[in-house]
Protein backbone atom coordinates (compact mmCIF):
# COMPACT_ATOMS: atom_id res chain seq x y z
CA UNK A 1 -16.77 -4.07 7.44
CA UNK A 2 -20.48 -3.12 7.12
CA UNK A 3 -23.22 -5.56 6.77
CA UNK A 4 -24.64 -6.69 3.48
CA UNK A 5 -22.66 -7.33 0.22
CA UNK A 6 -21.24 -5.38 -2.53
CA UNK A 7 -19.59 -6.01 -5.97
CA UNK A 8 -16.41 -5.26 -7.35
CA UNK A 9 -15.49 -5.01 -11.10
CA UNK A 10 -11.95 -5.16 -11.85
CA UNK A 11 -10.79 -2.83 -14.64
CA UNK A 12 -9.97 -5.73 -16.92
CA UNK A 13 -13.61 -6.81 -16.73
CA UNK A 14 -12.99 -9.47 -14.06
CA UNK A 15 -16.49 -9.54 -12.33
CA UNK A 16 -16.30 -10.64 -8.61
CA UNK A 17 -18.75 -10.98 -5.73
CA UNK A 18 -17.69 -9.37 -2.34
CA UNK A 19 -19.14 -10.60 0.96
CA UNK A 20 -18.81 -9.26 4.53
CA UNK A 21 -17.37 -11.69 7.00
CA UNK A 22 -17.88 -14.79 4.82
CA UNK A 23 -18.18 -18.12 6.72
CA UNK A 24 -15.81 -20.67 5.14
CA UNK A 25 -17.18 -24.11 5.53
CA UNK A 26 -15.87 -27.36 5.81
CA UNK A 27 -18.98 -28.76 7.20
CA UNK A 28 -22.23 -27.63 5.64
CA UNK A 29 -24.39 -29.08 8.34
CA UNK A 30 -24.03 -26.72 11.50
CA UNK A 31 -26.29 -28.69 13.49
CA UNK A 32 -23.39 -31.10 13.82
CA UNK A 33 -20.53 -30.04 16.25
CA UNK A 34 -18.16 -27.71 14.74
CA UNK A 35 -15.45 -25.22 15.68
CA UNK A 36 -15.06 -21.61 14.67
CA UNK A 37 -11.78 -19.49 14.41
CA UNK A 38 -12.03 -16.05 13.67
CA UNK A 39 -9.32 -14.69 11.43
CA UNK A 40 -8.00 -11.10 10.99
CA UNK A 41 -5.95 -10.29 7.78
CA UNK A 42 -3.64 -7.19 7.43
CA UNK A 43 -0.95 -6.48 4.86
CA UNK A 44 1.14 -3.86 3.29
CA UNK A 45 1.13 -1.50 6.61
CA UNK A 46 4.27 0.21 5.63
CA UNK A 47 5.19 1.35 9.23
CA UNK A 48 1.77 2.51 9.80
CA UNK A 49 0.57 -0.38 11.94
CA UNK A 50 -0.09 1.67 15.04
CA UNK A 51 -2.82 3.54 13.21
CA UNK A 52 -4.82 0.48 12.69
CA UNK A 53 -7.89 -0.32 14.46
CA UNK A 54 -7.35 -4.30 14.75
CA UNK A 55 -10.12 -6.49 15.85
CA UNK A 56 -9.90 -9.12 18.24
CA UNK A 57 -9.72 -12.72 16.92
CA UNK A 58 -8.02 -16.01 17.10
CA UNK A 59 -5.47 -15.57 14.25
CA UNK A 60 -3.89 -12.58 12.86
CA UNK A 61 -2.26 -12.84 9.47
CA UNK A 62 0.11 -10.21 8.06
CA UNK A 63 0.87 -11.11 4.38
CA UNK A 64 3.97 -8.80 3.70
CA UNK A 65 5.40 -5.45 3.59
CA UNK A 66 5.24 -4.33 7.26
CA UNK A 67 7.98 -1.72 6.60
CA UNK A 68 9.25 0.39 3.70
CA UNK A 69 12.38 0.55 1.35
CA UNK A 70 14.44 3.61 1.36
CA UNK A 71 14.40 5.29 -1.94
CA UNK A 72 18.03 6.13 -1.87
CA UNK A 73 19.79 3.32 -0.07
CA UNK A 74 17.53 0.52 -1.44
CA UNK A 75 17.21 -0.84 1.94
CA UNK A 76 14.94 -1.03 4.99
CA UNK A 77 15.42 0.78 8.44
CA UNK A 78 15.85 -1.80 11.41
CA UNK A 79 14.25 0.37 13.75
CA UNK A 80 11.00 0.15 11.84
CA UNK A 81 11.00 -3.69 11.87
CA UNK A 82 11.86 -3.34 15.85
CA UNK A 83 8.79 -1.20 16.30
CA UNK A 84 6.51 -3.44 14.16
CA UNK A 85 7.66 -6.36 16.38
CA UNK A 86 6.85 -4.47 19.51
CA UNK A 87 3.44 -3.78 18.18
CA UNK A 88 2.70 -7.30 17.40
CA UNK A 89 3.42 -8.19 21.13
CA UNK A 90 0.65 -5.79 22.07
CA UNK A 91 -2.03 -7.72 20.00
CA UNK A 92 -4.37 -10.22 21.83
CA UNK A 93 -4.49 -12.86 18.95
CA UNK A 94 -3.38 -16.26 20.23
CA UNK A 95 -1.77 -16.95 16.66
CA UNK A 96 0.10 -14.06 14.93
CA UNK A 97 1.40 -15.25 11.55
CA UNK A 98 3.70 -13.16 9.24
CA UNK A 99 5.20 -13.58 5.73
CA UNK A 100 7.45 -11.19 3.91
CA UNK A 101 6.80 -8.91 0.85
CA UNK A 102 8.94 -7.06 -1.72
CA UNK A 103 9.73 -4.12 0.88
CA UNK A 104 10.99 -6.27 3.51
CA UNK A 105 14.63 -6.10 2.37
CA UNK A 106 16.04 -6.58 6.10
CA UNK A 107 14.40 -10.03 6.31
CA UNK A 108 15.28 -11.17 2.76
CA UNK A 109 18.84 -10.09 3.08
CA UNK A 110 19.48 -11.50 6.41
CA UNK A 111 20.41 -14.84 4.85
CA UNK A 112 18.72 -16.59 7.96
CA UNK A 113 16.60 -19.66 8.25
CA UNK A 114 12.90 -18.87 9.56
CA UNK A 115 13.56 -19.69 13.24
CA UNK A 116 16.61 -17.36 13.23
CA UNK A 117 14.37 -14.75 11.54
CA UNK A 118 11.69 -14.91 14.07
CA UNK A 119 14.22 -15.10 16.93
CA UNK A 120 16.15 -11.89 15.66
CA UNK A 121 13.39 -9.78 14.15
CA UNK A 122 9.93 -11.20 14.63
CA UNK A 123 9.98 -12.62 18.15
CA UNK A 124 6.51 -11.46 18.77
CA UNK A 125 4.76 -13.47 15.88
CA UNK A 126 4.00 -17.10 16.75
CA UNK A 127 4.98 -18.19 13.34
CA UNK A 128 7.13 -16.56 10.56
CA UNK A 129 6.13 -18.33 7.16
CA UNK A 130 8.84 -18.73 4.33
CA UNK A 131 7.55 -21.61 1.98
CA UNK A 132 6.41 -23.17 5.11
CA UNK A 133 3.30 -24.76 6.65
CA UNK A 134 1.73 -24.55 10.12
CA UNK A 135 -1.28 -26.61 11.53
CA UNK A 136 -3.35 -24.52 13.97
CA UNK A 137 -5.95 -26.26 15.64
CA UNK A 138 -6.57 -28.54 12.77
CA UNK A 139 -6.35 -26.02 9.98
CA UNK A 140 -3.39 -26.42 7.66
CA UNK A 141 -1.85 -22.84 6.58
CA UNK A 142 0.97 -22.35 4.12
CA UNK A 143 2.95 -18.96 3.61
CA UNK A 144 5.22 -17.65 0.97
CA UNK A 145 6.62 -14.18 0.31
CA UNK A 146 7.52 -14.04 -3.43
CA UNK A 147 6.59 -11.77 -6.30
CA UNK A 148 7.54 -11.20 -9.61
CA UNK A 149 10.85 -9.83 -10.01
CA UNK A 150 11.18 -6.38 -11.31
CA UNK A 151 13.92 -4.55 -12.99
CA UNK A 152 17.19 -4.12 -10.89
CA UNK A 153 16.68 -0.39 -10.46
CA UNK A 154 13.42 -0.99 -8.61
CA UNK A 155 13.77 -0.12 -4.93
CA UNK A 156 11.59 -2.82 -3.45
CA UNK A 157 12.69 -6.08 -4.80
CA UNK A 158 12.95 -8.22 -1.62
CA UNK A 159 11.77 -11.85 -2.40
CA UNK A 160 11.82 -11.35 -6.14
CA UNK A 161 11.80 -14.31 -8.39
CA UNK A 162 11.42 -14.48 -12.21
CA UNK A 163 7.94 -15.54 -13.75
CA UNK A 164 8.48 -16.85 -17.15
CA UNK A 165 5.70 -15.87 -19.60
CA UNK A 166 4.02 -18.85 -21.10
CA UNK A 167 2.04 -20.04 -24.10
CA UNK A 168 -0.31 -22.73 -24.62
CA UNK A 169 2.68 -25.23 -24.35
CA UNK A 170 2.52 -27.49 -21.33
CA UNK A 171 5.91 -26.35 -20.45
CA UNK A 172 5.08 -23.54 -18.14
CA UNK A 173 8.16 -21.63 -16.91
CA UNK A 174 10.19 -24.47 -16.35
CA UNK A 175 7.41 -26.57 -14.70
CA UNK A 176 5.63 -29.23 -16.81
CA UNK A 177 1.96 -29.64 -15.99
CA UNK A 178 1.11 -33.19 -17.01
CA UNK A 179 -2.33 -33.71 -18.36
CA UNK A 180 -3.54 -36.06 -15.61
CA UNK A 181 -2.49 -34.07 -12.79
CA UNK A 182 -0.35 -30.94 -11.57
CA UNK A 183 2.55 -33.09 -10.78
CA UNK A 184 5.43 -31.10 -11.87
CA UNK A 185 9.06 -31.49 -13.07
CA UNK A 186 11.69 -29.01 -12.47
CA UNK A 187 13.76 -28.35 -15.54
CA UNK A 188 17.00 -26.52 -15.95
CA UNK A 189 15.41 -22.92 -15.11
CA UNK A 190 16.14 -23.98 -11.58
CA UNK A 191 14.69 -22.97 -8.22
CA UNK A 192 14.88 -19.14 -8.82
CA UNK A 193 11.63 -19.13 -10.51
CA UNK A 194 8.47 -18.24 -8.93
CA UNK A 195 6.58 -21.04 -10.32
CA UNK A 196 8.52 -23.63 -8.42
CA UNK A 197 7.84 -21.81 -5.35
CA UNK A 198 4.06 -22.05 -5.91
CA UNK A 199 4.45 -25.78 -6.73
CA UNK A 200 5.67 -26.42 -3.11
CA UNK A 201 2.23 -25.42 -1.85
CA UNK A 202 0.98 -28.83 -0.51
CA UNK A 203 -2.47 -29.96 -1.88
CA UNK A 204 -4.08 -30.26 1.51
CA UNK A 205 -3.66 -26.75 2.36
CA UNK A 206 -6.72 -24.94 3.88
CA UNK A 207 -5.31 -21.31 3.95
CA UNK A 208 -2.67 -19.87 1.59
CA UNK A 209 -0.88 -16.87 2.35
CA UNK A 210 1.36 -15.01 -0.27
CA UNK A 211 2.23 -11.50 -0.55
CA UNK A 212 1.27 -11.18 -4.26
CA UNK A 213 -2.32 -11.95 -5.68
CA UNK A 214 -3.17 -14.53 -8.33
CA UNK A 215 -3.64 -13.04 -11.76
CA UNK A 216 -7.25 -11.79 -12.36
CA UNK A 217 -8.08 -11.79 -8.65
CA UNK A 218 -7.86 -8.09 -7.29
CA UNK A 219 -4.53 -7.56 -8.74
CA UNK A 220 -5.21 -4.40 -10.47
CA UNK A 221 -2.41 -1.76 -10.25
CA UNK A 222 -4.12 1.58 -10.66
CA UNK A 223 -0.73 3.34 -10.57
CA UNK A 224 0.48 1.28 -13.51
CA UNK A 225 -2.82 0.56 -15.05
CA UNK A 226 -2.33 -3.16 -15.52
CA UNK A 227 -2.89 -6.46 -13.50
CA UNK A 228 0.27 -7.70 -11.43
CA UNK A 229 -1.01 -11.03 -10.15
CA UNK A 230 0.94 -14.23 -10.77
CA UNK A 231 -0.52 -16.48 -13.48
CA UNK A 232 1.04 -19.46 -11.95
CA UNK A 233 -0.44 -18.72 -8.70
CA UNK A 234 -3.98 -18.69 -10.18
CA UNK A 235 -3.53 -22.22 -11.72
CA UNK A 236 -2.17 -23.40 -8.45
CA UNK A 237 -5.35 -22.21 -6.56
CA UNK A 238 -7.85 -23.10 -8.91
CA UNK A 239 -6.48 -26.40 -10.69
CA UNK A 240 -4.54 -27.95 -7.73
CA UNK A 241 -4.68 -26.92 -4.27
CA UNK A 242 -8.27 -25.32 -4.18
CA UNK A 243 -7.79 -23.84 -0.66
CA UNK A 244 -10.64 -22.38 1.19
CA UNK A 245 -9.07 -19.00 1.79
CA UNK A 246 -6.23 -17.11 0.19
CA UNK A 247 -4.86 -14.04 1.72
CA UNK A 248 -2.53 -11.67 -0.06
CA UNK A 249 -1.76 -7.93 -0.43
CA UNK A 250 0.61 -5.95 -2.62
CA UNK A 251 -1.97 -4.24 -4.81
CA UNK A 252 -3.29 -1.40 -2.79
CA UNK A 253 -6.06 -0.14 -4.98
CA UNK A 254 -7.65 -3.73 -5.12
CA UNK A 255 -8.34 -4.12 -1.37
CA UNK A 256 -11.45 -6.31 -0.46
CA UNK A 257 -12.83 -9.74 -0.72
CA UNK A 258 -13.73 -11.96 -3.74
CA UNK A 259 -15.44 -15.22 -3.83
CA UNK A 260 -14.59 -17.76 -6.41
CA UNK A 261 -17.40 -20.13 -7.21
CA UNK A 262 -16.40 -23.15 -9.49
CA UNK A 263 -19.92 -23.60 -10.72
CA UNK A 264 -20.10 -19.96 -12.16
CA UNK A 265 -16.72 -20.28 -13.77
CA UNK A 266 -16.67 -23.56 -15.71
CA UNK A 267 -15.59 -21.98 -19.11
CA UNK A 268 -12.78 -20.12 -17.31
CA UNK A 269 -11.57 -23.27 -15.58
CA UNK A 270 -11.42 -25.20 -18.94
CA UNK A 271 -9.57 -22.38 -20.62
CA UNK A 272 -7.06 -22.36 -17.72
CA UNK A 273 -6.66 -26.02 -18.40
CA UNK A 274 -6.10 -25.48 -22.09
CA UNK A 275 -3.60 -22.69 -21.23
CA UNK A 276 -1.70 -25.08 -19.17
CA UNK A 277 -1.68 -28.06 -21.70
CA UNK A 278 -4.07 -29.96 -19.44
CA UNK A 279 -7.01 -32.25 -20.50
CA UNK A 280 -10.55 -30.85 -20.22
CA UNK A 281 -12.44 -32.48 -17.16
CA UNK A 282 -15.76 -31.94 -15.40
CA UNK A 283 -14.97 -29.55 -12.65
CA UNK A 284 -15.90 -30.37 -8.97
CA UNK A 285 -17.98 -27.88 -7.02
CA UNK A 286 -15.97 -25.75 -4.61
CA UNK A 287 -15.37 -22.22 -3.60
CA UNK A 288 -12.38 -20.13 -2.73
CA UNK A 289 -12.47 -16.83 -0.84
CA UNK A 290 -9.76 -14.29 -1.72
CA UNK A 291 -8.64 -11.63 0.69
CA UNK A 292 -6.70 -8.63 -0.60
CA UNK A 293 -5.77 -7.08 2.70
CA UNK A 294 -3.31 -4.36 1.43
CA UNK A 295 -3.89 -1.40 4.02
CA UNK A 296 -4.64 2.17 3.33
CA UNK A 297 -4.89 3.70 6.84
CA UNK A 298 -8.53 4.50 6.35
CA UNK A 299 -9.56 0.86 5.92
CA UNK A 300 -10.15 -1.81 8.38
CA UNK A 301 -8.63 -5.20 8.42
CA UNK A 302 -10.42 -8.01 6.71
CA UNK A 303 -12.15 -10.57 9.05
CA UNK A 304 -13.72 -13.90 8.35
CA UNK A 305 -14.72 -16.87 10.43
CA UNK A 306 -13.46 -20.29 9.57
CA UNK A 307 -16.13 -22.92 10.53
CA UNK A 308 -14.81 -26.56 10.45
């Protein structure tokens, strides 16, 4: 990515600031001893991985859809996943993290645990993440592949889970958000709803990886002319977990970087609390960098430095 900064206005009038290779800080005083890890983000490569110019770094993150779903058979080709795995093995990054996406039917349909998935299909990634965390050199990273379930005839519905629409009631898709904090109670809707997956993200997570975006953050589908992000994921990011970075893909036309600054979004945060039946409170100061790394082949992977 080039030098300088640019702005991005989502078609639903969500205004977001973009910055090139942002520095995500735990320590503000860089005169103190600190460490830096360079993170390279890609997503939605759809068998075109070999066409990418992937820069060097410490951590490579692929946030889903490494392959395609066959339009007739509603399945994926094993040889495509094998080729992706071979390509991963050629990359120099010490850590290579992969999660699934809605085209990755082979992985979803295998019915295997994460260790078996990695051994069978993704042996050249260091960590396959499915509702799991990994700590890398002191940084806690969580990955999850789910997306909002589409109609049964849609050919790419791997890792699909229902997201129940909600109102101002504290009952949100089977999860009760208590007014004092975002502790939750699972109701009879069960574990098949996407909200319960987002509730599993630990509060001490530094970097979140999902396939889908949060609602309102680089989630605009130009093909469908509507946002496709998860509203419960937005609430998870902004009201509970507050990670330093969130990497995703899925919405190809909304590629890029957005920075959320809590001090510039006080009214929005309070409205989000009201939407989820939570008491108003004074917002702490924090920022989150959002990376939509969905690749068109002409685009470069997104890169940032994590300083801590």
